[in-house]
mmCIF file of all heavy atoms, coordinates in Angstrom:
data_MODEL
# 
_entry.id   MODEL 
# 
loop_
_atom_site.group_PDB 
_atom_site.id 
_atom_site.type_symbol 
_atom_site.label_atom_id 
_atom_site.label_alt_id 
_atom_site.label_comp_id 
_atom_site.label_asym_id 
_atom_site.label_entity_id 
_atom_site.label_seq_id 
_atom_site.pdbx_PDB_ins_code 
_atom_site.Cartn_x 
_atom_site.Cartn_y 
_atom_site.Cartn_z 
_atom_site.occupancy 
_atom_site.B_iso_or_equiv 
_atom_site.pdbx_formal_charge 
_atom_site.auth_seq_id 
_atom_site.auth_comp_id 
_atom_site.auth_asym_id 
_atom_site.auth_atom_id 
_atom_site.pdbx_PDB_model_num 
ATOM 1   N N   . GLY A 1 1  ? 120.764 109.794 24.571 1.00 0.00 ? 1  GLY A N   1 
ATOM 2   C CA  . GLY A 1 1  ? 119.529 110.291 23.938 1.00 0.00 ? 1  GLY A CA  1 
ATOM 3   C C   . GLY A 1 1  ? 119.714 110.777 22.536 1.00 0.00 ? 1  GLY A C   1 
ATOM 4   O O   . GLY A 1 1  ? 120.836 110.752 21.988 1.00 0.00 ? 1  GLY A O   1 
ATOM 5   N N   . GLY A 1 2  ? 118.630 111.237 21.967 1.00 0.00 ? 2  GLY A N   1 
ATOM 6   C CA  . GLY A 1 2  ? 118.663 111.773 20.615 1.00 0.00 ? 2  GLY A CA  1 
ATOM 7   C C   . GLY A 1 2  ? 118.321 110.730 19.588 1.00 0.00 ? 2  GLY A C   1 
ATOM 8   O O   . GLY A 1 2  ? 117.940 109.624 19.898 1.00 0.00 ? 2  GLY A O   1 
ATOM 9   N N   . CYS A 1 3  ? 118.579 111.187 18.317 1.00 0.00 ? 3  CYS A N   1 
ATOM 10  C CA  . CYS A 1 3  ? 118.271 110.252 17.150 1.00 0.00 ? 3  CYS A CA  1 
ATOM 11  C C   . CYS A 1 3  ? 119.476 109.951 16.347 1.00 0.00 ? 3  CYS A C   1 
ATOM 12  O O   . CYS A 1 3  ? 119.374 109.731 15.119 1.00 0.00 ? 3  CYS A O   1 
ATOM 13  C CB  . CYS A 1 3  ? 117.197 110.987 16.241 1.00 0.00 ? 3  CYS A CB  1 
ATOM 14  S SG  . CYS A 1 3  ? 115.633 111.296 17.205 1.00 0.00 ? 3  CYS A SG  1 
ATOM 15  N N   . GLY A 1 4  ? 120.690 110.016 17.048 1.00 0.00 ? 4  GLY A N   1 
ATOM 16  C CA  . GLY A 1 4  ? 121.869 109.772 16.291 1.00 0.00 ? 4  GLY A CA  1 
ATOM 17  C C   . GLY A 1 4  ? 122.963 110.802 16.498 1.00 0.00 ? 4  GLY A C   1 
ATOM 18  O O   . GLY A 1 4  ? 124.187 110.544 16.401 1.00 0.00 ? 4  GLY A O   1 
ATOM 19  N N   . GLU A 1 5  ? 122.500 112.052 17.000 1.00 0.00 ? 5  GLU A N   1 
ATOM 20  C CA  . GLU A 1 5  ? 123.515 113.156 17.153 1.00 0.00 ? 5  GLU A CA  1 
ATOM 21  C C   . GLU A 1 5  ? 123.589 113.511 18.597 1.00 0.00 ? 5  GLU A C   1 
ATOM 22  O O   . GLU A 1 5  ? 124.148 114.514 18.918 1.00 0.00 ? 5  GLU A O   1 
ATOM 23  C CB  . GLU A 1 5  ? 123.079 114.391 16.446 1.00 0.00 ? 5  GLU A CB  1 
ATOM 24  C CG  . GLU A 1 5  ? 122.872 114.235 14.881 1.00 0.00 ? 5  GLU A CG  1 
ATOM 25  C CD  . GLU A 1 5  ? 122.195 115.481 14.340 1.00 0.00 ? 5  GLU A CD  1 
ATOM 26  O OE1 . GLU A 1 5  ? 122.930 116.459 14.012 1.00 0.00 ? 5  GLU A OE1 1 
ATOM 27  O OE2 . GLU A 1 5  ? 121.048 115.475 14.167 1.00 0.00 ? 5  GLU A OE2 1 
ATOM 28  N N   . GLY A 1 6  ? 123.005 112.730 19.500 1.00 0.00 ? 6  GLY A N   1 
ATOM 29  C CA  . GLY A 1 6  ? 122.886 113.102 20.968 1.00 0.00 ? 6  GLY A CA  1 
ATOM 30  C C   . GLY A 1 6  ? 121.633 113.965 21.243 1.00 0.00 ? 6  GLY A C   1 
ATOM 31  O O   . GLY A 1 6  ? 121.030 114.382 20.225 1.00 0.00 ? 6  GLY A O   1 
ATOM 32  N N   . PRO A 1 7  ? 121.359 114.241 22.462 1.00 0.00 ? 7  PRO A N   1 
ATOM 33  C CA  . PRO A 1 7  ? 120.101 115.046 22.788 1.00 0.00 ? 7  PRO A CA  1 
ATOM 34  C C   . PRO A 1 7  ? 120.278 116.486 22.441 1.00 0.00 ? 7  PRO A C   1 
ATOM 35  O O   . PRO A 1 7  ? 121.340 117.077 22.603 1.00 0.00 ? 7  PRO A O   1 
ATOM 36  C CB  . PRO A 1 7  ? 119.931 114.747 24.301 1.00 0.00 ? 7  PRO A CB  1 
ATOM 37  C CG  . PRO A 1 7  ? 121.359 114.502 24.799 1.00 0.00 ? 7  PRO A CG  1 
ATOM 38  C CD  . PRO A 1 7  ? 122.128 113.966 23.655 1.00 0.00 ? 7  PRO A CD  1 
ATOM 39  N N   . ASP A 1 8  ? 119.182 117.103 21.947 1.00 0.00 ? 8  ASP A N   1 
ATOM 40  C CA  . ASP A 1 8  ? 119.153 118.508 21.752 1.00 0.00 ? 8  ASP A CA  1 
ATOM 41  C C   . ASP A 1 8  ? 118.687 119.355 22.961 1.00 0.00 ? 8  ASP A C   1 
ATOM 42  O O   . ASP A 1 8  ? 118.359 118.812 24.024 1.00 0.00 ? 8  ASP A O   1 
ATOM 43  C CB  . ASP A 1 8  ? 118.222 118.877 20.516 1.00 0.00 ? 8  ASP A CB  1 
ATOM 44  C CG  . ASP A 1 8  ? 116.734 118.470 20.735 1.00 0.00 ? 8  ASP A CG  1 
ATOM 45  O OD1 . ASP A 1 8  ? 116.398 118.067 21.870 1.00 0.00 ? 8  ASP A OD1 1 
ATOM 46  O OD2 . ASP A 1 8  ? 115.913 118.625 19.844 1.00 0.00 ? 8  ASP A OD2 1 
ATOM 47  N N   . ASP A 1 9  ? 118.776 120.667 22.789 1.00 0.00 ? 9  ASP A N   1 
ATOM 48  C CA  . ASP A 1 9  ? 118.453 121.576 23.939 1.00 0.00 ? 9  ASP A CA  1 
ATOM 49  C C   . ASP A 1 9  ? 117.006 121.416 24.336 1.00 0.00 ? 9  ASP A C   1 
ATOM 50  O O   . ASP A 1 9  ? 116.720 121.478 25.555 1.00 0.00 ? 9  ASP A O   1 
ATOM 51  C CB  . ASP A 1 9  ? 118.687 123.064 23.456 1.00 0.00 ? 9  ASP A CB  1 
ATOM 52  C CG  . ASP A 1 9  ? 120.120 123.429 23.193 1.00 0.00 ? 9  ASP A CG  1 
ATOM 53  O OD1 . ASP A 1 9  ? 121.031 122.638 23.684 1.00 0.00 ? 9  ASP A OD1 1 
ATOM 54  O OD2 . ASP A 1 9  ? 120.414 124.386 22.624 1.00 0.00 ? 9  ASP A OD2 1 
ATOM 55  N N   . PHE A 1 10 ? 116.134 121.136 23.406 1.00 0.00 ? 10 PHE A N   1 
ATOM 56  C CA  . PHE A 1 10 ? 114.689 120.987 23.750 1.00 0.00 ? 10 PHE A CA  1 
ATOM 57  C C   . PHE A 1 10 ? 114.542 119.796 24.699 1.00 0.00 ? 10 PHE A C   1 
ATOM 58  O O   . PHE A 1 10 ? 113.818 119.985 25.778 1.00 0.00 ? 10 PHE A O   1 
ATOM 59  C CB  . PHE A 1 10 ? 113.903 120.704 22.388 1.00 0.00 ? 10 PHE A CB  1 
ATOM 60  C CG  . PHE A 1 10 ? 112.385 120.584 22.560 1.00 0.00 ? 10 PHE A CG  1 
ATOM 61  C CD1 . PHE A 1 10 ? 111.625 121.697 22.517 1.00 0.00 ? 10 PHE A CD1 1 
ATOM 62  C CD2 . PHE A 1 10 ? 111.819 119.250 22.685 1.00 0.00 ? 10 PHE A CD2 1 
ATOM 63  C CE1 . PHE A 1 10 ? 110.205 121.517 22.571 1.00 0.00 ? 10 PHE A CE1 1 
ATOM 64  C CE2 . PHE A 1 10 ? 110.424 119.099 22.779 1.00 0.00 ? 10 PHE A CE2 1 
ATOM 65  C CZ  . PHE A 1 10 ? 109.651 120.313 22.725 1.00 0.00 ? 10 PHE A CZ  1 
ATOM 66  N N   . SER A 1 11 ? 115.218 118.724 24.481 1.00 0.00 ? 11 SER A N   1 
ATOM 67  C CA  . SER A 1 11 ? 114.992 117.576 25.344 1.00 0.00 ? 11 SER A CA  1 
ATOM 68  C C   . SER A 1 11 ? 115.744 117.709 26.686 1.00 0.00 ? 11 SER A C   1 
ATOM 69  O O   . SER A 1 11 ? 115.363 117.011 27.654 1.00 0.00 ? 11 SER A O   1 
ATOM 70  C CB  . SER A 1 11 ? 115.492 116.238 24.594 1.00 0.00 ? 11 SER A CB  1 
ATOM 71  O OG  . SER A 1 11 ? 117.012 116.319 24.477 1.00 0.00 ? 11 SER A OG  1 
ATOM 72  N N   . GLN A 1 12 ? 116.730 118.566 26.657 1.00 0.00 ? 12 GLN A N   1 
ATOM 73  C CA  . GLN A 1 12 ? 117.498 118.768 27.982 1.00 0.00 ? 12 GLN A CA  1 
ATOM 74  C C   . GLN A 1 12 ? 116.834 119.856 28.848 1.00 0.00 ? 12 GLN A C   1 
ATOM 75  O O   . GLN A 1 12 ? 117.265 120.055 29.982 1.00 0.00 ? 12 GLN A O   1 
ATOM 76  C CB  . GLN A 1 12 ? 118.928 119.150 27.683 1.00 0.00 ? 12 GLN A CB  1 
ATOM 77  C CG  . GLN A 1 12 ? 119.760 118.066 26.929 1.00 0.00 ? 12 GLN A CG  1 
ATOM 78  C CD  . GLN A 1 12 ? 121.105 118.602 26.605 1.00 0.00 ? 12 GLN A CD  1 
ATOM 79  O OE1 . GLN A 1 12 ? 121.829 119.146 27.394 1.00 0.00 ? 12 GLN A OE1 1 
ATOM 80  N NE2 . GLN A 1 12 ? 121.414 118.545 25.318 1.00 0.00 ? 12 GLN A NE2 1 
ATOM 81  N N   . SER A 1 13 ? 115.829 120.547 28.274 1.00 0.00 ? 13 SER A N   1 
ATOM 82  C CA  . SER A 1 13 ? 115.231 121.719 29.017 1.00 0.00 ? 13 SER A CA  1 
ATOM 83  C C   . SER A 1 13 ? 114.411 121.355 30.206 1.00 0.00 ? 13 SER A C   1 
ATOM 84  O O   . SER A 1 13 ? 113.766 120.253 30.246 1.00 0.00 ? 13 SER A O   1 
ATOM 85  C CB  . SER A 1 13 ? 114.394 122.417 28.010 1.00 0.00 ? 13 SER A CB  1 
ATOM 86  O OG  . SER A 1 13 ? 113.540 123.367 28.652 1.00 0.00 ? 13 SER A OG  1 
ATOM 87  N N   . TRP A 1 14 ? 114.412 122.117 31.173 1.00 0.00 ? 14 TRP A N   1 
ATOM 88  C CA  . TRP A 1 14 ? 113.572 122.043 32.375 1.00 0.00 ? 14 TRP A CA  1 
ATOM 89  C C   . TRP A 1 14 ? 112.065 122.060 31.986 1.00 0.00 ? 14 TRP A C   1 
ATOM 90  O O   . TRP A 1 14 ? 111.264 121.587 32.798 1.00 0.00 ? 14 TRP A O   1 
ATOM 91  C CB  . TRP A 1 14 ? 113.782 123.279 33.413 1.00 0.00 ? 14 TRP A CB  1 
ATOM 92  C CG  . TRP A 1 14 ? 113.520 124.585 32.748 1.00 0.00 ? 14 TRP A CG  1 
ATOM 93  C CD1 . TRP A 1 14 ? 114.362 125.340 32.091 1.00 0.00 ? 14 TRP A CD1 1 
ATOM 94  C CD2 . TRP A 1 14 ? 112.171 125.370 32.730 1.00 0.00 ? 14 TRP A CD2 1 
ATOM 95  N NE1 . TRP A 1 14 ? 113.692 126.549 31.584 1.00 0.00 ? 14 TRP A NE1 1 
ATOM 96  C CE2 . TRP A 1 14 ? 112.369 126.513 32.094 1.00 0.00 ? 14 TRP A CE2 1 
ATOM 97  C CE3 . TRP A 1 14 ? 110.939 125.011 33.356 1.00 0.00 ? 14 TRP A CE3 1 
ATOM 98  C CZ2 . TRP A 1 14 ? 111.346 127.495 31.903 1.00 0.00 ? 14 TRP A CZ2 1 
ATOM 99  C CZ3 . TRP A 1 14 ? 109.952 125.938 33.157 1.00 0.00 ? 14 TRP A CZ3 1 
ATOM 100 C CH2 . TRP A 1 14 ? 110.106 127.094 32.415 1.00 0.00 ? 14 TRP A CH2 1 
ATOM 101 N N   . GLU A 1 15 ? 111.846 122.553 30.794 1.00 0.00 ? 15 GLU A N   1 
ATOM 102 C CA  . GLU A 1 15 ? 110.352 122.657 30.359 1.00 0.00 ? 15 GLU A CA  1 
ATOM 103 C C   . GLU A 1 15 ? 109.758 121.203 30.109 1.00 0.00 ? 15 GLU A C   1 
ATOM 104 O O   . GLU A 1 15 ? 108.559 121.102 30.287 1.00 0.00 ? 15 GLU A O   1 
ATOM 105 C CB  . GLU A 1 15 ? 110.306 123.426 29.038 1.00 0.00 ? 15 GLU A CB  1 
ATOM 106 C CG  . GLU A 1 15 ? 110.720 124.904 29.176 1.00 0.00 ? 15 GLU A CG  1 
ATOM 107 C CD  . GLU A 1 15 ? 110.720 125.776 28.000 1.00 0.00 ? 15 GLU A CD  1 
ATOM 108 O OE1 . GLU A 1 15 ? 109.594 126.070 27.493 1.00 0.00 ? 15 GLU A OE1 1 
ATOM 109 O OE2 . GLU A 1 15 ? 111.757 126.022 27.424 1.00 0.00 ? 15 GLU A OE2 1 
ATOM 110 N N   . ARG A 1 16 ? 110.518 120.258 29.862 1.00 0.00 ? 16 ARG A N   1 
ATOM 111 C CA  . ARG A 1 16 ? 110.045 118.855 29.785 1.00 0.00 ? 16 ARG A CA  1 
ATOM 112 C C   . ARG A 1 16 ? 109.449 118.465 31.107 1.00 0.00 ? 16 ARG A C   1 
ATOM 113 O O   . ARG A 1 16 ? 108.408 117.903 31.128 1.00 0.00 ? 16 ARG A O   1 
ATOM 114 C CB  . ARG A 1 16 ? 111.208 117.878 29.315 1.00 0.00 ? 16 ARG A CB  1 
ATOM 115 C CG  . ARG A 1 16 ? 111.856 118.245 27.965 1.00 0.00 ? 16 ARG A CG  1 
ATOM 116 C CD  . ARG A 1 16 ? 111.019 118.158 26.786 1.00 0.00 ? 16 ARG A CD  1 
ATOM 117 N NE  . ARG A 1 16 ? 109.990 118.999 26.646 1.00 0.00 ? 16 ARG A NE  1 
ATOM 118 C CZ  . ARG A 1 16 ? 109.981 120.278 26.264 1.00 0.00 ? 16 ARG A CZ  1 
ATOM 119 N NH1 . ARG A 1 16 ? 111.134 120.884 26.119 1.00 0.00 ? 16 ARG A NH1 1 
ATOM 120 N NH2 . ARG A 1 16 ? 108.872 121.047 26.211 1.00 0.00 ? 16 ARG A NH2 1 
ATOM 121 N N   . LEU A 1 17 ? 110.101 118.636 32.164 1.00 0.00 ? 17 LEU A N   1 
ATOM 122 C CA  . LEU A 1 17 ? 109.652 118.379 33.565 1.00 0.00 ? 17 LEU A CA  1 
ATOM 123 C C   . LEU A 1 17 ? 108.508 119.199 33.934 1.00 0.00 ? 17 LEU A C   1 
ATOM 124 O O   . LEU A 1 17 ? 107.535 118.747 34.583 1.00 0.00 ? 17 LEU A O   1 
ATOM 125 C CB  . LEU A 1 17 ? 110.846 118.416 34.543 1.00 0.00 ? 17 LEU A CB  1 
ATOM 126 C CG  . LEU A 1 17 ? 110.509 118.094 36.024 1.00 0.00 ? 17 LEU A CG  1 
ATOM 127 C CD1 . LEU A 1 17 ? 110.020 116.532 36.056 1.00 0.00 ? 17 LEU A CD1 1 
ATOM 128 C CD2 . LEU A 1 17 ? 111.617 118.280 36.947 1.00 0.00 ? 17 LEU A CD2 1 
ATOM 129 N N   . HIS A 1 18 ? 108.557 120.521 33.473 1.00 0.00 ? 18 HIS A N   1 
ATOM 130 C CA  . HIS A 1 18 ? 107.391 121.330 33.737 1.00 0.00 ? 18 HIS A CA  1 
ATOM 131 C C   . HIS A 1 18 ? 106.147 120.839 33.195 1.00 0.00 ? 18 HIS A C   1 
ATOM 132 O O   . HIS A 1 18 ? 105.078 120.871 33.761 1.00 0.00 ? 18 HIS A O   1 
ATOM 133 C CB  . HIS A 1 18 ? 107.710 122.822 33.301 1.00 0.00 ? 18 HIS A CB  1 
ATOM 134 C CG  . HIS A 1 18 ? 106.504 123.754 33.327 1.00 0.00 ? 18 HIS A CG  1 
ATOM 135 N ND1 . HIS A 1 18 ? 106.054 124.271 34.480 1.00 0.00 ? 18 HIS A ND1 1 
ATOM 136 C CD2 . HIS A 1 18 ? 105.758 124.221 32.294 1.00 0.00 ? 18 HIS A CD2 1 
ATOM 137 C CE1 . HIS A 1 18 ? 104.953 124.944 34.174 1.00 0.00 ? 18 HIS A CE1 1 
ATOM 138 N NE2 . HIS A 1 18 ? 104.802 124.996 32.936 1.00 0.00 ? 18 HIS A NE2 1 
ATOM 139 N N   . GLU A 1 19 ? 106.237 120.359 31.885 1.00 0.00 ? 19 GLU A N   1 
ATOM 140 C CA  . GLU A 1 19 ? 104.996 119.787 31.242 1.00 0.00 ? 19 GLU A CA  1 
ATOM 141 C C   . GLU A 1 19 ? 104.497 118.604 31.989 1.00 0.00 ? 19 GLU A C   1 
ATOM 142 O O   . GLU A 1 19 ? 103.291 118.377 32.259 1.00 0.00 ? 19 GLU A O   1 
ATOM 143 C CB  . GLU A 1 19 ? 105.314 119.463 29.761 1.00 0.00 ? 19 GLU A CB  1 
ATOM 144 C CG  . GLU A 1 19 ? 105.519 120.638 28.859 1.00 0.00 ? 19 GLU A CG  1 
ATOM 145 C CD  . GLU A 1 19 ? 105.308 120.295 27.398 1.00 0.00 ? 19 GLU A CD  1 
ATOM 146 O OE1 . GLU A 1 19 ? 104.676 119.247 27.098 1.00 0.00 ? 19 GLU A OE1 1 
ATOM 147 O OE2 . GLU A 1 19 ? 105.699 121.144 26.559 1.00 0.00 ? 19 GLU A OE2 1 
ATOM 148 N N   . LEU A 1 20 ? 105.461 117.710 32.376 1.00 0.00 ? 20 LEU A N   1 
ATOM 149 C CA  . LEU A 1 20 ? 105.066 116.504 33.178 1.00 0.00 ? 20 LEU A CA  1 
ATOM 150 C C   . LEU A 1 20 ? 104.261 116.872 34.397 1.00 0.00 ? 20 LEU A C   1 
ATOM 151 O O   . LEU A 1 20 ? 103.206 116.363 34.695 1.00 0.00 ? 20 LEU A O   1 
ATOM 152 C CB  . LEU A 1 20 ? 106.261 115.674 33.464 1.00 0.00 ? 20 LEU A CB  1 
ATOM 153 C CG  . LEU A 1 20 ? 106.133 114.353 34.181 1.00 0.00 ? 20 LEU A CG  1 
ATOM 154 C CD1 . LEU A 1 20 ? 107.346 113.462 33.836 1.00 0.00 ? 20 LEU A CD1 1 
ATOM 155 C CD2 . LEU A 1 20 ? 106.015 114.495 35.637 1.00 0.00 ? 20 LEU A CD2 1 
ATOM 156 N N   . GLN A 1 21 ? 104.927 117.853 35.172 1.00 0.00 ? 21 GLN A N   1 
ATOM 157 C CA  . GLN A 1 21 ? 104.264 118.195 36.391 1.00 0.00 ? 21 GLN A CA  1 
ATOM 158 C C   . GLN A 1 21 ? 102.889 118.933 36.303 1.00 0.00 ? 21 GLN A C   1 
ATOM 159 O O   . GLN A 1 21 ? 102.024 118.719 37.154 1.00 0.00 ? 21 GLN A O   1 
ATOM 160 C CB  . GLN A 1 21 ? 105.343 119.055 37.208 1.00 0.00 ? 21 GLN A CB  1 
ATOM 161 C CG  . GLN A 1 21 ? 106.508 118.347 37.678 1.00 0.00 ? 21 GLN A CG  1 
ATOM 162 C CD  . GLN A 1 21 ? 107.597 119.214 38.247 1.00 0.00 ? 21 GLN A CD  1 
ATOM 163 O OE1 . GLN A 1 21 ? 107.663 120.393 37.865 1.00 0.00 ? 21 GLN A OE1 1 
ATOM 164 N NE2 . GLN A 1 21 ? 108.543 118.627 39.002 1.00 0.00 ? 21 GLN A NE2 1 
ATOM 165 N N   . THR A 1 22 ? 102.768 119.632 35.203 1.00 0.00 ? 22 THR A N   1 
ATOM 166 C CA  . THR A 1 22 ? 101.514 120.325 34.917 1.00 0.00 ? 22 THR A CA  1 
ATOM 167 C C   . THR A 1 22 ? 100.400 119.305 34.568 1.00 0.00 ? 22 THR A C   1 
ATOM 168 O O   . THR A 1 22 ? 99.245  119.336 35.038 1.00 0.00 ? 22 THR A O   1 
ATOM 169 C CB  . THR A 1 22 ? 101.542 121.364 33.859 1.00 0.00 ? 22 THR A CB  1 
ATOM 170 O OG1 . THR A 1 22 ? 102.695 122.281 34.201 1.00 0.00 ? 22 THR A OG1 1 
ATOM 171 C CG2 . THR A 1 22 ? 100.361 122.165 33.594 1.00 0.00 ? 22 THR A CG2 1 
ATOM 172 N N   . LEU A 1 23 ? 100.850 118.323 33.662 1.00 0.00 ? 23 LEU A N   1 
ATOM 173 C CA  . LEU A 1 23 ? 99.803  117.374 33.073 1.00 0.00 ? 23 LEU A CA  1 
ATOM 174 C C   . LEU A 1 23 ? 99.201  116.493 34.130 1.00 0.00 ? 23 LEU A C   1 
ATOM 175 O O   . LEU A 1 23 ? 98.088  116.007 34.112 1.00 0.00 ? 23 LEU A O   1 
ATOM 176 C CB  . LEU A 1 23 ? 100.418 116.557 31.965 1.00 0.00 ? 23 LEU A CB  1 
ATOM 177 C CG  . LEU A 1 23 ? 100.670 117.360 30.671 1.00 0.00 ? 23 LEU A CG  1 
ATOM 178 C CD1 . LEU A 1 23 ? 101.634 116.563 29.794 1.00 0.00 ? 23 LEU A CD1 1 
ATOM 179 C CD2 . LEU A 1 23 ? 99.344  117.626 29.962 1.00 0.00 ? 23 LEU A CD2 1 
ATOM 180 N N   . ILE A 1 24 ? 100.046 116.242 35.218 1.00 0.00 ? 24 ILE A N   1 
ATOM 181 C CA  . ILE A 1 24 ? 99.551  115.346 36.282 1.00 0.00 ? 24 ILE A CA  1 
ATOM 182 C C   . ILE A 1 24 ? 98.784  115.890 37.380 1.00 0.00 ? 24 ILE A C   1 
ATOM 183 O O   . ILE A 1 24 ? 98.352  115.321 38.326 1.00 0.00 ? 24 ILE A O   1 
ATOM 184 C CB  . ILE A 1 24 ? 100.733 114.321 36.857 1.00 0.00 ? 24 ILE A CB  1 
ATOM 185 C CG1 . ILE A 1 24 ? 101.720 115.195 37.512 1.00 0.00 ? 24 ILE A CG1 1 
ATOM 186 C CG2 . ILE A 1 24 ? 101.305 113.500 35.718 1.00 0.00 ? 24 ILE A CG2 1 
ATOM 187 C CD1 . ILE A 1 24 ? 102.821 114.312 38.215 1.00 0.00 ? 24 ILE A CD1 1 
ATOM 188 N N   . LYS A 1 25 ? 98.592  117.260 37.310 1.00 0.00 ? 25 LYS A N   1 
ATOM 189 C CA  . LYS A 1 25 ? 97.899  117.987 38.326 1.00 0.00 ? 25 LYS A CA  1 
ATOM 190 C C   . LYS A 1 25 ? 96.493  117.559 38.491 1.00 0.00 ? 25 LYS A C   1 
ATOM 191 O O   . LYS A 1 25 ? 95.724  117.479 37.508 1.00 0.00 ? 25 LYS A O   1 
ATOM 192 C CB  . LYS A 1 25 ? 97.926  119.471 38.134 1.00 0.00 ? 25 LYS A CB  1 
ATOM 193 C CG  . LYS A 1 25 ? 99.449  120.064 38.473 1.00 0.00 ? 25 LYS A CG  1 
ATOM 194 C CD  . LYS A 1 25 ? 99.375  121.570 38.524 1.00 0.00 ? 25 LYS A CD  1 
ATOM 195 C CE  . LYS A 1 25 ? 100.767 121.982 39.000 1.00 0.00 ? 25 LYS A CE  1 
ATOM 196 N NZ  . LYS A 1 25 ? 101.016 123.383 38.908 1.00 0.00 ? 25 LYS A NZ  1 
ATOM 197 N N   . PRO A 1 26 ? 96.040  117.261 39.724 1.00 0.00 ? 26 PRO A N   1 
ATOM 198 C CA  . PRO A 1 26 ? 94.599  116.779 39.900 1.00 0.00 ? 26 PRO A CA  1 
ATOM 199 C C   . PRO A 1 26 ? 93.532  117.776 39.372 1.00 0.00 ? 26 PRO A C   1 
ATOM 200 O O   . PRO A 1 26 ? 92.543  117.393 38.924 1.00 0.00 ? 26 PRO A O   1 
ATOM 201 C CB  . PRO A 1 26 ? 94.458  116.627 41.505 1.00 0.00 ? 26 PRO A CB  1 
ATOM 202 C CG  . PRO A 1 26 ? 95.919  116.533 41.965 1.00 0.00 ? 26 PRO A CG  1 
ATOM 203 C CD  . PRO A 1 26 ? 96.782  117.299 40.962 1.00 0.00 ? 26 PRO A CD  1 
ATOM 204 N N   . GLU A 1 27 ? 93.923  119.115 39.491 1.00 0.00 ? 27 GLU A N   1 
ATOM 205 C CA  . GLU A 1 27 ? 92.877  120.037 39.107 1.00 0.00 ? 27 GLU A CA  1 
ATOM 206 C C   . GLU A 1 27 ? 92.620  119.983 37.563 1.00 0.00 ? 27 GLU A C   1 
ATOM 207 O O   . GLU A 1 27 ? 91.567  120.417 37.116 1.00 0.00 ? 27 GLU A O   1 
ATOM 208 C CB  . GLU A 1 27 ? 93.154  121.461 39.524 1.00 0.00 ? 27 GLU A CB  1 
ATOM 209 C CG  . GLU A 1 27 ? 94.566  122.114 39.163 1.00 0.00 ? 27 GLU A CG  1 
ATOM 210 C CD  . GLU A 1 27 ? 95.597  121.984 40.118 1.00 0.00 ? 27 GLU A CD  1 
ATOM 211 O OE1 . GLU A 1 27 ? 95.670  120.879 40.756 1.00 0.00 ? 27 GLU A OE1 1 
ATOM 212 O OE2 . GLU A 1 27 ? 96.355  122.933 40.350 1.00 0.00 ? 27 GLU A OE2 1 
ATOM 213 N N   . LEU A 1 28 ? 93.618  119.539 36.795 1.00 0.00 ? 28 LEU A N   1 
ATOM 214 C CA  . LEU A 1 28 ? 93.455  119.356 35.360 1.00 0.00 ? 28 LEU A CA  1 
ATOM 215 C C   . LEU A 1 28 ? 92.558  118.168 35.091 1.00 0.00 ? 28 LEU A C   1 
ATOM 216 O O   . LEU A 1 28 ? 91.542  118.256 34.334 1.00 0.00 ? 28 LEU A O   1 
ATOM 217 C CB  . LEU A 1 28 ? 94.751  119.165 34.654 1.00 0.00 ? 28 LEU A CB  1 
ATOM 218 C CG  . LEU A 1 28 ? 94.736  119.197 33.079 1.00 0.00 ? 28 LEU A CG  1 
ATOM 219 C CD1 . LEU A 1 28 ? 94.129  120.483 32.648 1.00 0.00 ? 28 LEU A CD1 1 
ATOM 220 C CD2 . LEU A 1 28 ? 96.166  119.033 32.589 1.00 0.00 ? 28 LEU A CD2 1 
# 
């Protein structure tokens, strides 16, 4: 991953999965 230097902390964070799980919630 990444853009030439490998993946950064932002992309490795659990927060990426948290956003995914929130966005697909039926109540949204």
